[in-house]
N, C-alpha and C. Protein backbone atom coordinates (compact mmCIF):
# COMPACT_ATOMS: atom_id res chain seq x y z
N MET A 1 0.91 -1.22 0.13
CA MET A 1 -0.17 -0.03 -0.01
C MET A 1 0.81 1.39 0.14
N SER A 2 0.51 1.89 -0.99
CA SER A 2 1.42 3.35 -0.86
C SER A 2 1.10 4.35 0.05
N GLY A 3 1.53 5.54 0.43
CA GLY A 3 1.30 6.30 1.28
C GLY A 3 0.23 7.38 0.65
N PRO A 4 -0.16 8.38 1.68
CA PRO A 4 -1.19 9.33 1.14
C PRO A 4 -0.97 9.96 0.08
N ILE A 5 -1.95 10.46 -0.71
CA ILE A 5 -1.68 11.39 -1.96
C ILE A 5 -2.88 12.42 -1.84
N SER A 6 -2.62 13.42 -2.60
CA SER A 6 -3.52 14.70 -2.63
C SER A 6 -4.64 14.19 -3.27
N LEU A 7 -5.97 14.85 -2.81
CA LEU A 7 -7.37 14.32 -3.26
C LEU A 7 -7.40 15.03 -4.76
N SER A 8 -6.53 15.72 -4.99
CA SER A 8 -6.75 16.19 -6.48
C SER A 8 -6.01 14.97 -7.59
N LYS A 9 -5.21 14.11 -6.94
CA LYS A 9 -4.76 13.15 -7.87
C LYS A 9 -5.50 11.90 -7.88
N LEU A 10 -6.83 11.86 -7.30
CA LEU A 10 -7.53 10.53 -7.48
C LEU A 10 -7.98 10.63 -8.87
N ALA A 11 -8.03 9.38 -9.38
CA ALA A 11 -9.07 8.96 -10.40
C ALA A 11 -10.62 9.19 -10.43
N LEU A 12 -11.11 9.42 -11.26
CA LEU A 12 -12.67 9.68 -11.40
C LEU A 12 -13.24 8.23 -11.09
N GLY A 13 -14.30 8.30 -9.96
CA GLY A 13 -14.77 7.02 -9.47
C GLY A 13 -13.90 6.44 -8.54
N GLN A 14 -12.60 6.97 -8.05
CA GLN A 14 -11.86 6.25 -7.01
C GLN A 14 -12.32 6.79 -5.84
N GLN A 15 -12.42 5.79 -4.89
CA GLN A 15 -12.76 5.86 -3.35
C GLN A 15 -11.59 6.20 -2.74
N ALA A 16 -11.62 6.97 -1.47
CA ALA A 16 -10.50 6.89 -0.41
C ALA A 16 -10.91 7.54 0.93
N VAL A 17 -9.93 7.42 1.87
CA VAL A 17 -10.23 7.72 3.18
C VAL A 17 -9.50 8.81 3.44
N LEU A 18 -10.00 10.10 3.91
CA LEU A 18 -9.43 11.31 4.09
C LEU A 18 -8.31 11.25 5.18
N ARG A 19 -7.29 11.62 5.42
CA ARG A 19 -6.13 11.52 6.28
C ARG A 19 -5.88 12.73 6.90
N SER A 20 -5.62 13.82 6.33
CA SER A 20 -5.18 15.08 6.96
C SER A 20 -5.55 16.28 5.78
N PHE A 21 -5.65 17.45 6.42
CA PHE A 21 -5.69 18.79 5.42
C PHE A 21 -5.19 19.67 6.71
N PRO A 22 -5.08 20.77 6.05
CA PRO A 22 -4.29 22.25 6.87
C PRO A 22 -5.21 22.53 8.10
N PRO A 23 -4.81 22.55 9.31
CA PRO A 23 -5.57 23.04 10.46
C PRO A 23 -6.29 24.41 10.37
N ALA A 24 -5.56 25.30 9.46
CA ALA A 24 -5.99 26.57 9.59
C ALA A 24 -6.71 26.91 8.09
N GLY A 25 -7.40 28.19 8.07
CA GLY A 25 -8.03 28.73 7.00
C GLY A 25 -9.49 28.43 7.01
N ALA A 26 -10.03 29.50 6.63
CA ALA A 26 -11.61 29.34 6.58
C ALA A 26 -12.20 28.22 5.70
N ALA A 27 -11.68 28.14 4.61
CA ALA A 27 -12.26 27.05 3.85
C ALA A 27 -12.17 25.59 4.58
N PHE A 28 -10.98 25.45 5.14
CA PHE A 28 -10.62 24.16 5.96
C PHE A 28 -11.65 24.11 7.04
N LEU A 29 -12.08 25.21 7.73
CA LEU A 29 -12.69 25.22 8.96
C LEU A 29 -14.32 24.72 8.53
N ARG A 30 -14.58 25.34 7.51
CA ARG A 30 -16.07 25.02 6.86
C ARG A 30 -16.09 23.62 6.40
N LEU A 31 -15.25 23.05 5.92
CA LEU A 31 -15.08 21.52 5.46
C LEU A 31 -15.17 20.75 6.82
N ARG A 32 -14.61 20.99 7.64
CA ARG A 32 -14.81 20.19 9.02
C ARG A 32 -16.35 20.49 9.57
N GLU A 33 -16.67 21.67 9.61
CA GLU A 33 -18.19 21.80 9.84
C GLU A 33 -19.11 20.79 9.07
N MET A 34 -18.85 20.56 7.98
CA MET A 34 -19.69 19.97 6.90
C MET A 34 -19.53 18.37 7.00
N GLY A 35 -18.51 18.05 8.17
CA GLY A 35 -18.27 16.56 8.27
C GLY A 35 -17.23 16.27 7.60
N LEU A 36 -16.38 16.84 6.91
CA LEU A 36 -15.32 16.15 6.27
C LEU A 36 -14.06 16.21 7.45
N LEU A 37 -13.98 15.10 7.92
CA LEU A 37 -12.89 14.86 9.07
C LEU A 37 -12.05 13.48 8.64
N PRO A 38 -10.99 13.47 9.33
CA PRO A 38 -9.94 12.37 9.06
C PRO A 38 -10.84 11.10 9.40
N GLY A 39 -10.54 10.25 8.51
CA GLY A 39 -11.04 8.71 8.66
C GLY A 39 -12.35 8.84 7.91
N THR A 40 -13.09 9.94 7.31
CA THR A 40 -13.98 10.03 6.25
C THR A 40 -13.97 9.23 4.95
N ARG A 41 -14.81 8.32 4.65
CA ARG A 41 -14.52 7.83 3.23
C ARG A 41 -15.45 8.87 2.25
N LEU A 42 -14.55 8.93 1.04
CA LEU A 42 -15.41 9.76 -0.14
C LEU A 42 -15.11 9.36 -1.28
N ILE A 43 -15.43 9.81 -2.34
CA ILE A 43 -15.31 9.40 -3.60
C ILE A 43 -15.40 10.32 -4.57
N LEU A 44 -14.26 10.40 -5.47
CA LEU A 44 -14.33 11.41 -6.50
C LEU A 44 -15.37 11.42 -7.61
N VAL A 45 -16.39 12.05 -7.84
CA VAL A 45 -17.32 11.82 -8.95
C VAL A 45 -17.24 12.33 -9.98
N ARG A 46 -16.62 13.56 -10.10
CA ARG A 46 -16.38 14.13 -11.38
C ARG A 46 -15.50 15.32 -11.38
N GLN A 47 -15.00 15.84 -12.58
CA GLN A 47 -14.28 17.12 -12.55
C GLN A 47 -14.91 18.02 -13.62
N ALA A 48 -14.74 19.23 -13.53
CA ALA A 48 -15.19 20.18 -14.58
C ALA A 48 -14.35 19.79 -15.65
N PRO A 49 -14.72 20.24 -16.79
CA PRO A 49 -13.79 20.15 -18.15
C PRO A 49 -12.31 20.50 -18.05
N LEU A 50 -12.29 21.73 -17.53
CA LEU A 50 -10.64 22.30 -17.42
C LEU A 50 -10.26 21.97 -15.98
N GLY A 51 -10.72 20.71 -15.18
CA GLY A 51 -10.13 20.32 -14.06
C GLY A 51 -10.50 20.97 -12.75
N ASP A 52 -11.21 22.07 -12.81
CA ASP A 52 -11.71 22.81 -11.68
C ASP A 52 -13.15 23.33 -11.68
N PRO A 53 -13.84 22.96 -10.92
CA PRO A 53 -13.77 22.24 -9.66
C PRO A 53 -13.92 20.75 -9.67
N LEU A 54 -13.72 20.10 -8.44
CA LEU A 54 -13.90 18.72 -8.49
C LEU A 54 -14.92 18.37 -7.58
N GLU A 55 -15.79 17.39 -7.64
CA GLU A 55 -16.99 17.21 -7.24
C GLU A 55 -16.69 15.80 -6.38
N ILE A 56 -16.82 15.73 -5.03
CA ILE A 56 -16.65 14.53 -4.07
C ILE A 56 -18.32 14.07 -3.71
N GLU A 57 -18.37 12.94 -3.25
CA GLU A 57 -19.41 12.51 -2.50
C GLU A 57 -18.84 12.05 -1.03
N VAL A 58 -19.41 12.48 -0.05
CA VAL A 58 -19.17 12.44 1.04
C VAL A 58 -20.50 12.40 2.19
N ARG A 59 -20.37 11.31 2.93
CA ARG A 59 -21.52 11.26 3.77
C ARG A 59 -22.89 11.33 3.21
N GLY A 60 -22.99 10.79 1.94
CA GLY A 60 -24.20 10.91 1.36
C GLY A 60 -24.59 12.04 0.64
N TYR A 61 -23.88 13.04 0.77
CA TYR A 61 -24.28 14.26 -0.19
C TYR A 61 -22.80 14.52 -1.14
N ARG A 62 -23.05 15.61 -2.26
CA ARG A 62 -21.91 15.82 -2.93
C ARG A 62 -21.41 17.43 -2.88
N LEU A 63 -20.19 17.54 -2.73
CA LEU A 63 -19.55 18.66 -2.46
C LEU A 63 -18.57 19.00 -3.62
N SER A 64 -18.57 20.22 -3.84
CA SER A 64 -17.83 20.81 -4.68
C SER A 64 -16.49 21.59 -4.17
N LEU A 65 -15.49 21.20 -4.73
CA LEU A 65 -14.02 21.70 -3.82
C LEU A 65 -13.09 22.29 -5.36
N ARG A 66 -12.73 23.77 -4.91
CA ARG A 66 -11.49 24.03 -5.81
C ARG A 66 -10.30 23.07 -5.91
N ARG A 67 -9.64 23.05 -7.24
CA ARG A 67 -8.54 22.17 -7.16
C ARG A 67 -7.56 22.53 -6.16
N ALA A 68 -7.31 23.74 -5.97
CA ALA A 68 -6.23 24.31 -5.06
C ALA A 68 -6.65 24.00 -3.34
N GLU A 69 -7.74 23.80 -3.18
CA GLU A 69 -8.19 23.07 -2.07
C GLU A 69 -7.96 21.72 -1.77
N ALA A 70 -8.24 21.04 -2.86
CA ALA A 70 -8.25 19.69 -3.00
C ALA A 70 -6.76 19.12 -2.87
N GLU A 71 -5.75 20.07 -3.40
CA GLU A 71 -4.37 19.64 -3.48
C GLU A 71 -3.72 19.85 -1.95
N CYS A 72 -4.45 20.25 -1.01
CA CYS A 72 -3.91 20.46 0.40
C CYS A 72 -4.56 19.23 1.14
N ILE A 73 -5.53 18.51 0.74
CA ILE A 73 -6.36 17.21 1.44
C ILE A 73 -5.41 16.08 1.03
N LEU A 74 -5.16 15.42 2.22
CA LEU A 74 -4.50 14.14 1.77
C LEU A 74 -5.37 13.08 2.00
N VAL A 75 -5.12 11.99 1.04
CA VAL A 75 -6.11 10.82 1.28
C VAL A 75 -5.61 9.55 1.12
N ASP A 76 -5.99 8.46 1.72
CA ASP A 76 -5.52 7.10 1.48
C ASP A 76 -6.36 6.37 0.33
N PRO A 77 -5.96 6.32 -1.12
CA PRO A 77 -6.63 5.84 -1.90
C PRO A 77 -6.81 4.20 -1.62
N ASP A 78 -8.29 3.79 -1.91
CA ASP A 78 -8.70 2.53 -2.15
C ASP A 78 -7.80 1.67 -3.21
N SER A 79 -6.96 0.75 -3.18
CA SER A 79 -6.22 0.00 -4.07
C SER A 79 -7.48 -0.56 -5.06
N PRO A 80 -7.28 -0.39 -6.11
CA PRO A 80 -7.80 -1.09 -7.40
C PRO A 80 -8.08 -2.56 -7.12
N SER A 81 -9.12 -3.47 -7.07
CA SER A 81 -9.06 -4.87 -6.92
C SER A 81 -9.12 -5.52 -8.27
């Protein structure tokens, strides 16, 4: 198993477990308030044609993130079976 990667590096449809993100910043505080916490499972649902924003599914709802935010979030991707 490889180490954590940036959320922005996930392939479409790939699932992962959130490991960490910056402890400071208004955007990351808001993400924590919305339930995006370490240990949370998520899936990369889609990307805009130019790659920004990204849409993830987390805890039964979909959330759009800027690519710059996604690059700061580390996840452990599920290995393909």
